[in-house]
Amino acid sequence: KISFDSCMAQMFFIHFFSFTESGILL
């Protein structure tokens, strides 16, 4: 079980780091 807010926070950081990695490779 994971709370709604915790899930939103994790989603934010996972996608933030994914987009950042793409930008760094660029």
PDB file of all heavy atoms in Angstrom:
ATOM      1  N   LYS A   1       0.835  -1.195   0.000  1.00  0.00           N
ATOM      2  CA  LYS A   1       0.000   0.000   0.000  1.00  0.00           C
ATOM      3  C   LYS A   1       0.876   1.253   0.000  1.00  0.00           C
ATOM      4  O   LYS A   1       1.895   1.312   0.678  1.00  0.00           O
ATOM      5  CB  LYS A   1      -0.905   0.025   1.242  1.00  0.00           C
ATOM      6  CG  LYS A   1      -2.021  -1.010   1.219  1.00  0.00           C
ATOM      7  CD  LYS A   1      -3.085  -0.667   0.172  1.00  0.00           C
ATOM      8  CE  LYS A   1      -4.237  -1.673   0.214  1.00  0.00           C
ATOM      9  NZ  LYS A   1      -5.255  -1.366  -0.811  1.00  0.00           N
ATOM     10  N   ILE A   2       0.472   2.226  -0.800  1.00  0.00           N
ATOM     11  CA  ILE A   2       1.167   3.513  -0.824  1.00  0.00           C
ATOM     12  C   ILE A   2       0.112   4.607  -0.885  1.00  0.00           C
ATOM     13  O   ILE A   2      -0.883   4.491  -1.613  1.00  0.00           O
ATOM     14  CB  ILE A   2       2.147   3.600  -2.021  1.00  0.00           C
ATOM     15  CG1 ILE A   2       2.898   4.937  -2.014  1.00  0.00           C
ATOM     16  CG2 ILE A   2       1.431   3.384  -3.353  1.00  0.00           C
ATOM     17  CD1 ILE A   2       4.022   5.015  -3.038  1.00  0.00           C
ATOM     18  N   SER A   3       0.303   5.655  -0.109  1.00  0.00           N
ATOM     19  CA  SER A   3      -0.684   6.735  -0.071  1.00  0.00           C
ATOM     20  C   SER A   3      -0.677   7.506  -1.386  1.00  0.00           C
ATOM     21  O   SER A   3       0.291   7.463  -2.153  1.00  0.00           O
ATOM     22  CB  SER A   3      -0.380   7.682   1.086  1.00  0.00           C
ATOM     23  OG  SER A   3       0.802   8.410   0.836  1.00  0.00           O
ATOM     24  N   PHE A   4      -1.756   8.213  -1.632  1.00  0.00           N
ATOM     25  CA  PHE A   4      -1.890   8.984  -2.877  1.00  0.00           C
ATOM     26  C   PHE A   4      -0.748   9.994  -3.018  1.00  0.00           C
ATOM     27  O   PHE A   4      -0.091  10.060  -4.056  1.00  0.00           O
ATOM     28  CB  PHE A   4      -3.248   9.700  -2.896  1.00  0.00           C
ATOM     29  CG  PHE A   4      -3.561  10.368  -4.208  1.00  0.00           C
ATOM     30  CD1 PHE A   4      -4.311   9.723  -5.177  1.00  0.00           C
ATOM     31  CD2 PHE A   4      -3.101  11.653  -4.479  1.00  0.00           C
ATOM     32  CE1 PHE A   4      -4.588  10.341  -6.389  1.00  0.00           C
ATOM     33  CE2 PHE A   4      -3.369  12.279  -5.679  1.00  0.00           C
ATOM     34  CZ  PHE A   4      -4.120  11.620  -6.642  1.00  0.00           C
ATOM     35  N   ASP A   5      -0.513  10.785  -1.971  1.00  0.00           N
ATOM     36  CA  ASP A   5       0.514  11.829  -2.052  1.00  0.00           C
ATOM     37  C   ASP A   5       1.912  11.238  -2.222  1.00  0.00           C
ATOM     38  O   ASP A   5       2.743  11.783  -2.960  1.00  0.00           O
ATOM     39  CB  ASP A   5       0.463  12.723  -0.813  1.00  0.00           C
ATOM     40  CG  ASP A   5      -0.772  13.623  -0.804  1.00  0.00           C
ATOM     41  OD1 ASP A   5      -1.300  13.913  -1.902  1.00  0.00           O
ATOM     42  OD2 ASP A   5      -1.209  14.020   0.286  1.00  0.00           O
ATOM     43  N   SER A   6       2.190  10.131  -1.530  1.00  0.00           N
ATOM     44  CA  SER A   6       3.499   9.479  -1.677  1.00  0.00           C
ATOM     45  C   SER A   6       3.683   8.972  -3.100  1.00  0.00           C
ATOM     46  O   SER A   6       4.779   9.056  -3.673  1.00  0.00           O
ATOM     47  CB  SER A   6       3.633   8.323  -0.686  1.00  0.00           C
ATOM     48  OG  SER A   6       3.589   8.785   0.629  1.00  0.00           O
ATOM     49  N   CYS A   7       2.609   8.429  -3.677  1.00  0.00           N
ATOM     50  CA  CYS A   7       2.666   7.923  -5.046  1.00  0.00           C
ATOM     51  C   CYS A   7       2.906   9.062  -6.028  1.00  0.00           C
ATOM     52  O   CYS A   7       3.707   8.933  -6.962  1.00  0.00           O
ATOM     53  CB  CYS A   7       1.359   7.197  -5.376  1.00  0.00           C
ATOM     54  SG  CYS A   7       1.416   6.239  -6.901  1.00  0.00           S
ATOM     55  N   MET A   8       2.226  10.193  -5.817  1.00  0.00           N
ATOM     56  CA  MET A   8       2.426  11.361  -6.689  1.00  0.00           C
ATOM     57  C   MET A   8       3.867  11.865  -6.602  1.00  0.00           C
ATOM     58  O   MET A   8       4.472  12.233  -7.604  1.00  0.00           O
ATOM     59  CB  MET A   8       1.464  12.486  -6.307  1.00  0.00           C
ATOM     60  CG  MET A   8      -0.005  12.212  -6.570  1.00  0.00           C
ATOM     61  SD  MET A   8      -0.414  11.892  -8.301  1.00  0.00           S
ATOM     62  CE  MET A   8      -0.670  10.114  -8.230  1.00  0.00           C
ATOM     63  N   ALA A   9       4.399  11.879  -5.372  1.00  0.00           N
ATOM     64  CA  ALA A   9       5.780  12.345  -5.186  1.00  0.00           C
ATOM     65  C   ALA A   9       6.760  11.420  -5.905  1.00  0.00           C
ATOM     66  O   ALA A   9       7.686  11.878  -6.590  1.00  0.00           O
ATOM     67  CB  ALA A   9       6.119  12.428  -3.697  1.00  0.00           C
ATOM     68  N   GLN A  10       6.562  10.112  -5.760  1.00  0.00           N
ATOM     69  CA  GLN A  10       7.460   9.172  -6.430  1.00  0.00           C
ATOM     70  C   GLN A  10       7.349   9.291  -7.945  1.00  0.00           C
ATOM     71  O   GLN A  10       8.366   9.282  -8.650  1.00  0.00           O
ATOM     72  CB  GLN A  10       7.156   7.741  -6.001  1.00  0.00           C
ATOM     73  CG  GLN A  10       8.157   6.744  -6.587  1.00  0.00           C
ATOM     74  CD  GLN A  10       7.865   5.315  -6.204  1.00  0.00           C
ATOM     75  OE1 GLN A  10       6.742   4.839  -6.355  1.00  0.00           O
ATOM     76  NE2 GLN A  10       8.873   4.615  -5.707  1.00  0.00           N
ATOM     77  N   MET A  11       6.116   9.402  -8.455  1.00  0.00           N
ATOM     78  CA  MET A  11       5.929   9.583  -9.889  1.00  0.00           C
ATOM     79  C   MET A  11       6.662  10.826 -10.376  1.00  0.00           C
ATOM     80  O   MET A  11       7.341  10.797 -11.412  1.00  0.00           O
ATOM     81  CB  MET A  11       4.438   9.717 -10.215  1.00  0.00           C
ATOM     82  CG  MET A  11       4.145   9.951 -11.688  1.00  0.00           C
ATOM     83  SD  MET A  11       2.494  10.616 -11.997  1.00  0.00           S
ATOM     84  CE  MET A  11       2.654  12.265 -11.309  1.00  0.00           C
ATOM     85  N   PHE A  12       6.562  11.916  -9.618  1.00  0.00           N
ATOM     86  CA  PHE A  12       7.233  13.155  -9.999  1.00  0.00           C
ATOM     87  C   PHE A  12       8.739  12.937 -10.130  1.00  0.00           C
ATOM     88  O   PHE A  12       9.347  13.306 -11.145  1.00  0.00           O
ATOM     89  CB  PHE A  12       6.958  14.249  -8.961  1.00  0.00           C
ATOM     90  CG  PHE A  12       7.760  15.500  -9.173  1.00  0.00           C
ATOM     91  CD1 PHE A  12       7.308  16.486 -10.037  1.00  0.00           C
ATOM     92  CD2 PHE A  12       8.985  15.680  -8.540  1.00  0.00           C
ATOM     93  CE1 PHE A  12       8.059  17.639 -10.255  1.00  0.00           C
ATOM     94  CE2 PHE A  12       9.746  16.817  -8.756  1.00  0.00           C
ATOM     95  CZ  PHE A  12       9.271  17.805  -9.618  1.00  0.00           C
ATOM     96  N   PHE A  13       9.349  12.323  -9.127  1.00  0.00           N
ATOM     97  CA  PHE A  13      10.807  12.181  -9.135  1.00  0.00           C
ATOM     98  C   PHE A  13      11.277  11.181 -10.199  1.00  0.00           C
ATOM     99  O   PHE A  13      12.304  11.416 -10.858  1.00  0.00           O
ATOM    100  CB  PHE A  13      11.305  11.772  -7.750  1.00  0.00           C
ATOM    101  CG  PHE A  13      11.330  12.904  -6.773  1.00  0.00           C
ATOM    102  CD1 PHE A  13      10.447  12.944  -5.700  1.00  0.00           C
ATOM    103  CD2 PHE A  13      12.225  13.949  -6.935  1.00  0.00           C
ATOM    104  CE1 PHE A  13      10.458  14.002  -4.808  1.00  0.00           C
ATOM    105  CE2 PHE A  13      12.253  15.016  -6.043  1.00  0.00           C
ATOM    106  CZ  PHE A  13      11.364  15.043  -4.978  1.00  0.00           C
ATOM    107  N   ILE A  14      10.550  10.097 -10.404  1.00  0.00           N
ATOM    108  CA  ILE A  14      10.951   9.128 -11.433  1.00  0.00           C
ATOM    109  C   ILE A  14      10.957   9.783 -12.807  1.00  0.00           C
ATOM    110  O   ILE A  14      11.929   9.678 -13.567  1.00  0.00           O
ATOM    111  CB  ILE A  14      10.028   7.892 -11.421  1.00  0.00           C
ATOM    112  CG1 ILE A  14      10.287   7.037 -10.180  1.00  0.00           C
ATOM    113  CG2 ILE A  14      10.261   7.042 -12.681  1.00  0.00           C
ATOM    114  CD1 ILE A  14       9.344   5.853 -10.039  1.00  0.00           C
ATOM    115  N   HIS A  15       9.873  10.496 -13.139  1.00  0.00           N
ATOM    116  CA  HIS A  15       9.798  11.130 -14.459  1.00  0.00           C
ATOM    117  C   HIS A  15      10.726  12.336 -14.557  1.00  0.00           C
ATOM    118  O   HIS A  15      11.295  12.596 -15.622  1.00  0.00           O
ATOM    119  CB  HIS A  15       8.359  11.524 -14.768  1.00  0.00           C
ATOM    120  CG  HIS A  15       7.460  10.348 -15.009  1.00  0.00           C
ATOM    121  ND1 HIS A  15       7.642   9.481 -16.072  1.00  0.00           N
ATOM    122  CD2 HIS A  15       6.405   9.867 -14.320  1.00  0.00           C
ATOM    123  CE1 HIS A  15       6.720   8.534 -16.020  1.00  0.00           C
ATOM    124  NE2 HIS A  15       5.960   8.741 -14.969  1.00  0.00           N
ATOM    125  N   PHE A  16      10.902  13.059 -13.449  1.00  0.00           N
ATOM    126  CA  PHE A  16      11.846  14.183 -13.449  1.00  0.00           C
ATOM    127  C   PHE A  16      13.247  13.703 -13.796  1.00  0.00           C
ATOM    128  O   PHE A  16      13.930  14.284 -14.652  1.00  0.00           O
ATOM    129  CB  PHE A  16      11.841  14.864 -12.079  1.00  0.00           C
ATOM    130  CG  PHE A  16      12.953  15.855 -11.891  1.00  0.00           C
ATOM    131  CD1 PHE A  16      12.881  17.106 -12.469  1.00  0.00           C
ATOM    132  CD2 PHE A  16      14.078  15.536 -11.141  1.00  0.00           C
ATOM    133  CE1 PHE A  16      13.909  18.040 -12.301  1.00  0.00           C
ATOM    134  CE2 PHE A  16      15.109  16.437 -10.967  1.00  0.00           C
ATOM    135  CZ  PHE A  16      15.024  17.700 -11.554  1.00  0.00           C
ATOM    136  N   PHE A  17      13.702  12.638 -13.141  1.00  0.00           N
ATOM    137  CA  PHE A  17      15.049  12.128 -13.411  1.00  0.00           C
ATOM    138  C   PHE A  17      15.156  11.516 -14.812  1.00  0.00           C
ATOM    139  O   PHE A  17      16.217  11.585 -15.440  1.00  0.00           O
ATOM    140  CB  PHE A  17      15.454  11.116 -12.339  1.00  0.00           C
ATOM    141  CG  PHE A  17      15.747  11.728 -11.002  1.00  0.00           C
ATOM    142  CD1 PHE A  17      15.051  11.335  -9.856  1.00  0.00           C
ATOM    143  CD2 PHE A  17      16.718  12.709 -10.866  1.00  0.00           C
ATOM    144  CE1 PHE A  17      15.315  11.903  -8.616  1.00  0.00           C
ATOM    145  CE2 PHE A  17      16.998  13.292  -9.633  1.00  0.00           C
ATOM    146  CZ  PHE A  17      16.287  12.887  -8.505  1.00  0.00           C
ATOM    147  N   SER A  18      14.071  10.921 -15.312  1.00  0.00           N
ATOM    148  CA  SER A  18      14.094  10.366 -16.673  1.00  0.00           C
ATOM    149  C   SER A  18      14.246  11.475 -17.710  1.00  0.00           C
ATOM    150  O   SER A  18      15.059  11.371 -18.635  1.00  0.00           O
ATOM    151  CB  SER A  18      12.811   9.573 -16.948  1.00  0.00           C
ATOM    152  OG  SER A  18      12.752   8.411 -16.159  1.00  0.00           O
ATOM    153  N   PHE A  19      13.463  12.556 -17.563  1.00  0.00           N
ATOM    154  CA  PHE A  19      13.561  13.678 -18.494  1.00  0.00           C
ATOM    155  C   PHE A  19      14.923  14.357 -18.373  1.00  0.00           C
ATOM    156  O   PHE A  19      15.506  14.787 -19.371  1.00  0.00           O
ATOM    157  CB  PHE A  19      12.445  14.697 -18.236  1.00  0.00           C
ATOM    158  CG  PHE A  19      11.071  14.191 -18.582  1.00  0.00           C
ATOM    159  CD1 PHE A  19       9.971  14.545 -17.822  1.00  0.00           C
ATOM    160  CD2 PHE A  19      10.875  13.361 -19.673  1.00  0.00           C
ATOM    161  CE1 PHE A  19       8.699  14.087 -18.138  1.00  0.00           C
ATOM    162  CE2 PHE A  19       9.606  12.886 -20.000  1.00  0.00           C
ATOM    163  CZ  PHE A  19       8.526  13.249 -19.232  1.00  0.00           C
ATOM    164  N   THR A  20      15.425  14.452 -17.140  1.00  0.00           N
ATOM    165  CA  THR A  20      16.743  15.067 -16.933  1.00  0.00           C
ATOM    166  C   THR A  20      17.835  14.247 -17.599  1.00  0.00           C
ATOM    167  O   THR A  20      18.749  14.810 -18.218  1.00  0.00           O
ATOM    168  CB  THR A  20      17.031  15.209 -15.421  1.00  0.00           C
ATOM    169  OG1 THR A  20      16.010  16.003 -14.815  1.00  0.00           O
ATOM    170  CG2 THR A  20      18.381  15.879 -15.191  1.00  0.00           C
ATOM    171  N   GLU A  21      17.746  12.921 -17.508  1.00  0.00           N
ATOM    172  CA  GLU A  21      18.755  12.070 -18.152  1.00  0.00           C
ATOM    173  C   GLU A  21      18.769  12.282 -19.660  1.00  0.00           C
ATOM    174  O   GLU A  21      19.826  12.357 -20.283  1.00  0.00           O
ATOM    175  CB  GLU A  21      18.491  10.596 -17.833  1.00  0.00           C
ATOM    176  CG  GLU A  21      19.497   9.650 -18.456  1.00  0.00           C
ATOM    177  CD  GLU A  21      19.989   8.581 -17.489  1.00  0.00           C
ATOM    178  OE1 GLU A  21      19.633   8.616 -16.305  1.00  0.00           O
ATOM    179  OE2 GLU A  21      20.757   7.717 -17.932  1.00  0.00           O
ATOM    180  N   SER A  22      17.582  12.393 -20.246  1.00  0.00           N
ATOM    181  CA  SER A  22      17.494  12.649 -21.681  1.00  0.00           C
ATOM    182  C   SER A  22      18.169  13.974 -22.027  1.00  0.00           C
ATOM    183  O   SER A  22      18.924  14.071 -23.004  1.00  0.00           O
ATOM    184  CB  SER A  22      16.021  12.670 -22.111  1.00  0.00           C
ATOM    185  OG  SER A  22      15.893  12.943 -23.484  1.00  0.00           O
ATOM    186  N   GLY A  23      17.912  15.006 -21.215  1.00  0.00           N
ATOM    187  CA  GLY A  23      18.536  16.310 -21.456  1.00  0.00           C
ATOM    188  C   GLY A  23      20.045  16.274 -21.287  1.00  0.00           C
ATOM    189  O   GLY A  23      20.787  16.924 -22.041  1.00  0.00           O
ATOM    190  N   ILE A  24      20.522  15.529 -20.286  1.00  0.00           N
ATOM    191  CA  ILE A  24      21.975  15.419 -20.075  1.00  0.00           C
ATOM    192  C   ILE A  24      22.639  14.733 -21.267  1.00  0.00           C
ATOM    193  O   ILE A  24      23.711  15.154 -21.732  1.00  0.00           O
ATOM    194  CB  ILE A  24      22.275  14.650 -18.774  1.00  0.00           C
ATOM    195  CG1 ILE A  24      21.777  15.437 -17.561  1.00  0.00           C
ATOM    196  CG2 ILE A  24      23.772  14.377 -18.635  1.00  0.00           C
ATOM    197  CD1 ILE A  24      21.787  14.649 -16.260  1.00  0.00           C
ATOM    198  N   LEU A  25      22.019  13.677 -21.772  1.00  0.00           N
ATOM    199  CA  LEU A  25      22.574  12.991 -22.949  1.00  0.00           C
ATOM    200  C   LEU A  25      22.613  13.922 -24.146  1.00  0.00           C
ATOM    201  O   LEU A  25      23.524  13.842 -24.983  1.00  0.00           O
ATOM    202  CB  LEU A  25      21.748  11.740 -23.263  1.00  0.00           C
ATOM    203  CG  LEU A  25      21.848  10.605 -22.233  1.00  0.00           C
ATOM    204  CD1 LEU A  25      20.851   9.499 -22.559  1.00  0.00           C
ATOM    205  CD2 LEU A  25      23.269  10.032 -22.184  1.00  0.00           C
ATOM    206  N   LEU A  26      21.637  14.837 -24.239  1.00  0.00           N
ATOM    207  CA  LEU A  26      21.634  15.811 -25.338  1.00  0.00           C
ATOM    208  C   LEU A  26      22.809  16.777 -25.216  1.00  0.00           C
ATOM    209  O   LEU A  26      23.530  17.002 -26.200  1.00  0.00           O
ATOM    210  CB  LEU A  26      20.313  16.582 -25.345  1.00  0.00           C
ATOM    211  CG  LEU A  26      20.231  17.748 -26.335  1.00  0.00           C
ATOM    212  CD1 LEU A  26      20.412  17.260 -27.772  1.00  0.00           C
ATOM    213  CD2 LEU A  26      18.899  18.487 -26.177  1.00  0.00           C
TER     214      LEU A  26
END
